[in-house]
Amino acid sequence: MKGVTTGSGKRERRHFTGAQKGAIVKAHLVDGVAISELCDKHGIQPTQFYLWQKQLFENCGVAFERKAKPGRKSPEQQKIEQLRAKLIDKNEVIAELMEENVKAKKANGEL
């Protein structure tokens, strides 16, 4: 089961889904199946198995990350909204001060 040979004599690459790769690595780590047995069964090289195992370990943190609940905002998003509200308030205060300044200048004949 090492790959399908085409009419031209070339071996066709086999493609495994992420779930298949995970199941193969899991068979070794959890069930204790020998790597050589898994490689023979699935037609892969041991280096390919070790690459998949490495990828699994490098990306396993994703499984433990918290997912945001629907409607719940991340702390960063909450901070952004807080800063936007503060900016809107500041702009309103500046607009009021500018309006008062223009009125005062008109009253003094400066404009």
C-alpha atoms as a PDB file:
ATOM      1  CA  MET A   1       0.000   0.000   0.000  1.00  0.00           C
ATOM      2  CA  LYS A   2       2.921   2.279  -0.723  1.00  0.00           C
ATOM      3  CA  GLY A   3       1.213   4.454  -3.309  1.00  0.00           C
ATOM      4  CA  VAL A   4      -0.394   3.890  -6.635  1.00  0.00           C
ATOM      5  CA  THR A   5       1.842   3.425  -9.656  1.00  0.00           C
ATOM      6  CA  THR A   6       0.592   5.183 -12.759  1.00  0.00           C
ATOM      7  CA  GLY A   7       0.996   3.953 -16.342  1.00  0.00           C
ATOM      8  CA  SER A   8       4.160   6.029 -16.732  1.00  0.00           C
ATOM      9  CA  GLY A   9       5.812   4.204 -13.839  1.00  0.00           C
ATOM     10  CA  LYS A  10       5.634   7.187 -11.492  1.00  0.00           C
ATOM     11  CA  ARG A  11       4.177   6.763  -8.062  1.00  0.00           C
ATOM     12  CA  GLU A  12       1.190   8.937  -7.331  1.00  0.00           C
ATOM     13  CA  ARG A  13       1.352  10.882  -4.088  1.00  0.00           C
ATOM     14  CA  ARG A  14      -1.063   9.921  -1.392  1.00  0.00           C
ATOM     15  CA  HIS A  15      -2.860  12.681   0.424  1.00  0.00           C
ATOM     16  CA  PHE A  16      -3.973  12.353   4.015  1.00  0.00           C
ATOM     17  CA  THR A  17      -6.473  14.625   5.707  1.00  0.00           C
ATOM     18  CA  GLY A  18      -5.603  16.264   8.992  1.00  0.00           C
ATOM     19  CA  ALA A  19      -7.917  13.821  10.747  1.00  0.00           C
ATOM     20  CA  GLN A  20      -6.160  10.855   9.125  1.00  0.00           C
ATOM     21  CA  LYS A  21      -2.733  12.165  10.101  1.00  0.00           C
ATOM     22  CA  GLY A  22      -3.941  12.734  13.655  1.00  0.00           C
ATOM     23  CA  ALA A  23      -5.377   9.228  13.839  1.00  0.00           C
ATOM     24  CA  ILE A  24      -2.100   7.703  12.649  1.00  0.00           C
ATOM     25  CA  VAL A  25      -0.038   9.630  15.209  1.00  0.00           C
ATOM     26  CA  LYS A  26      -2.617   8.886  17.907  1.00  0.00           C
ATOM     27  CA  ALA A  27      -2.393   5.166  17.138  1.00  0.00           C
ATOM     28  CA  HIS A  28       1.265   5.318  18.127  1.00  0.00           C
ATOM     29  CA  LEU A  29       1.009   7.686  21.084  1.00  0.00           C
ATOM     30  CA  VAL A  30      -2.162   6.346  22.685  1.00  0.00           C
ATOM     31  CA  ASP A  31      -2.514   2.785  21.457  1.00  0.00           C
ATOM     32  CA  GLY A  32       1.206   2.013  21.403  1.00  0.00           C
ATOM     33  CA  VAL A  33       1.294   0.778  17.809  1.00  0.00           C
ATOM     34  CA  ALA A  34       4.870   0.601  16.535  1.00  0.00           C
ATOM     35  CA  ILE A  35       5.873   3.341  14.115  1.00  0.00           C
ATOM     36  CA  SER A  36       7.223   0.797  11.640  1.00  0.00           C
ATOM     37  CA  GLU A  37       3.882  -1.015  11.659  1.00  0.00           C
ATOM     38  CA  LEU A  38       1.963   2.217  11.069  1.00  0.00           C
ATOM     39  CA  CYS A  39       4.295   3.273   8.274  1.00  0.00           C
ATOM     40  CA  ASP A  40       3.946  -0.081   6.523  1.00  0.00           C
ATOM     41  CA  LYS A  41       0.185  -0.088   6.946  1.00  0.00           C
ATOM     42  CA  HIS A  42      -0.286   3.431   5.560  1.00  0.00           C
ATOM     43  CA  GLY A  43       2.542   3.448   3.033  1.00  0.00           C
ATOM     44  CA  ILE A  44       4.499   6.317   4.558  1.00  0.00           C
ATOM     45  CA  GLN A  45       8.109   6.801   5.524  1.00  0.00           C
ATOM     46  CA  PRO A  46       9.077   7.099   9.202  1.00  0.00           C
ATOM     47  CA  THR A  47      10.349  10.617   8.513  1.00  0.00           C
ATOM     48  CA  GLN A  48       6.840  11.534   7.359  1.00  0.00           C
ATOM     49  CA  PHE A  49       5.392  10.122  10.578  1.00  0.00           C
ATOM     50  CA  TYR A  50       7.847  12.112  12.689  1.00  0.00           C
ATOM     51  CA  LEU A  51       7.030  15.271  10.739  1.00  0.00           C
ATOM     52  CA  TRP A  52       3.319  14.797  11.470  1.00  0.00           C
ATOM     53  CA  GLN A  53       4.081  14.144  15.128  1.00  0.00           C
ATOM     54  CA  LYS A  54       6.193  17.301  15.290  1.00  0.00           C
ATOM     55  CA  GLN A  55       3.410  19.332  13.654  1.00  0.00           C
ATOM     56  CA  LEU A  56       0.924  17.929  16.147  1.00  0.00           C
ATOM     57  CA  PHE A  57       3.041  18.932  19.125  1.00  0.00           C
ATOM     58  CA  GLU A  58       3.840  22.371  17.713  1.00  0.00           C
ATOM     59  CA  ASN A  59       0.151  23.127  17.157  1.00  0.00           C
ATOM     60  CA  CYS A  60      -1.426  21.412  20.145  1.00  0.00           C
ATOM     61  CA  GLY A  61      -1.876  24.720  21.982  1.00  0.00           C
ATOM     62  CA  VAL A  62      -4.778  25.554  19.685  1.00  0.00           C
ATOM     63  CA  ALA A  63      -6.811  22.779  21.287  1.00  0.00           C
ATOM     64  CA  PHE A  64      -6.545  24.484  24.669  1.00  0.00           C
ATOM     65  CA  GLU A  65      -7.277  28.067  23.641  1.00  0.00           C
ATOM     66  CA  ARG A  66     -10.518  29.549  24.840  1.00  0.00           C
ATOM     67  CA  LYS A  67     -13.000  30.430  22.195  1.00  0.00           C
ATOM     68  CA  ALA A  68     -14.932  33.645  22.575  1.00  0.00           C
ATOM     69  CA  LYS A  69     -18.566  33.136  23.442  1.00  0.00           C
ATOM     70  CA  PRO A  70     -21.032  34.537  20.925  1.00  0.00           C
ATOM     71  CA  GLY A  71     -21.783  38.139  21.796  1.00  0.00           C
ATOM     72  CA  ARG A  72     -18.833  38.368  24.161  1.00  0.00           C
ATOM     73  CA  LYS A  73     -16.043  40.726  23.236  1.00  0.00           C
ATOM     74  CA  SER A  74     -12.357  40.107  23.728  1.00  0.00           C
ATOM     75  CA  PRO A  75     -10.454  42.350  26.157  1.00  0.00           C
ATOM     76  CA  GLU A  76      -8.773  44.029  23.189  1.00  0.00           C
ATOM     77  CA  GLN A  77     -12.137  44.756  21.570  1.00  0.00           C
ATOM     78  CA  GLN A  78     -13.482  46.129  24.849  1.00  0.00           C
ATOM     79  CA  LYS A  79     -10.453  48.426  25.160  1.00  0.00           C
ATOM     80  CA  ILE A  80     -10.903  49.635  21.574  1.00  0.00           C
ATOM     81  CA  GLU A  81     -14.540  50.485  22.219  1.00  0.00           C
ATOM     82  CA  GLN A  82     -13.628  52.259  25.460  1.00  0.00           C
ATOM     83  CA  LEU A  83     -11.010  54.355  23.660  1.00  0.00           C
ATOM     84  CA  ARG A  84     -13.421  55.173  20.830  1.00  0.00           C
ATOM     85  CA  ALA A  85     -16.008  56.411  23.335  1.00  0.00           C
ATOM     86  CA  LYS A  86     -13.346  58.512  25.049  1.00  0.00           C
ATOM     87  CA  LEU A  87     -12.301  59.973  21.695  1.00  0.00           C
ATOM     88  CA  ILE A  88     -15.902  60.876  20.831  1.00  0.00           C
ATOM     89  CA  ASP A  89     -16.293  62.645  24.198  1.00  0.00           C
ATOM     90  CA  LYS A  90     -13.037  64.533  23.644  1.00  0.00           C
ATOM     91  CA  ASN A  91     -14.130  65.625  20.171  1.00  0.00           C
ATOM     92  CA  GLU A  92     -17.443  66.896  21.547  1.00  0.00           C
ATOM     93  CA  VAL A  93     -15.663  68.932  24.237  1.00  0.00           C
ATOM     94  CA  ILE A  94     -13.280  70.408  21.664  1.00  0.00           C
ATOM     95  CA  ALA A  95     -16.208  71.307  19.395  1.00  0.00           C
ATOM     96  CA  GLU A  96     -17.968  73.093  22.270  1.00  0.00           C
ATOM     97  CA  LEU A  97     -14.807  74.989  23.205  1.00  0.00           C
ATOM     98  CA  MET A  98     -14.213  76.015  19.601  1.00  0.00           C
ATOM     99  CA  GLU A  99     -17.796  77.230  19.320  1.00  0.00           C
ATOM    100  CA  GLU A 100     -17.426  79.298  22.503  1.00  0.00           C
ATOM    101  CA  ASN A 101     -14.109  80.660  21.238  1.00  0.00           C
ATOM    102  CA  VAL A 102     -15.654  81.746  17.927  1.00  0.00           C
ATOM    103  CA  LYS A 103     -18.564  83.421  19.757  1.00  0.00           C
ATOM    104  CA  ALA A 104     -16.140  85.252  22.054  1.00  0.00           C
ATOM    105  CA  LYS A 105     -14.031  86.459  19.127  1.00  0.00           C
ATOM    106  CA  LYS A 106     -17.143  87.682  17.310  1.00  0.00           C
ATOM    107  CA  ALA A 107     -18.278  89.501  20.442  1.00  0.00           C
ATOM    108  CA  ASN A 108     -14.874  91.190  20.740  1.00  0.00           C
ATOM    109  CA  GLY A 109     -14.845  92.082  17.055  1.00  0.00           C
ATOM    110  CA  GLU A 110     -11.874  89.899  16.263  1.00  0.00           C
ATOM    111  CA  LEU A 111     -13.778  88.026  13.534  1.00  0.00           C
END
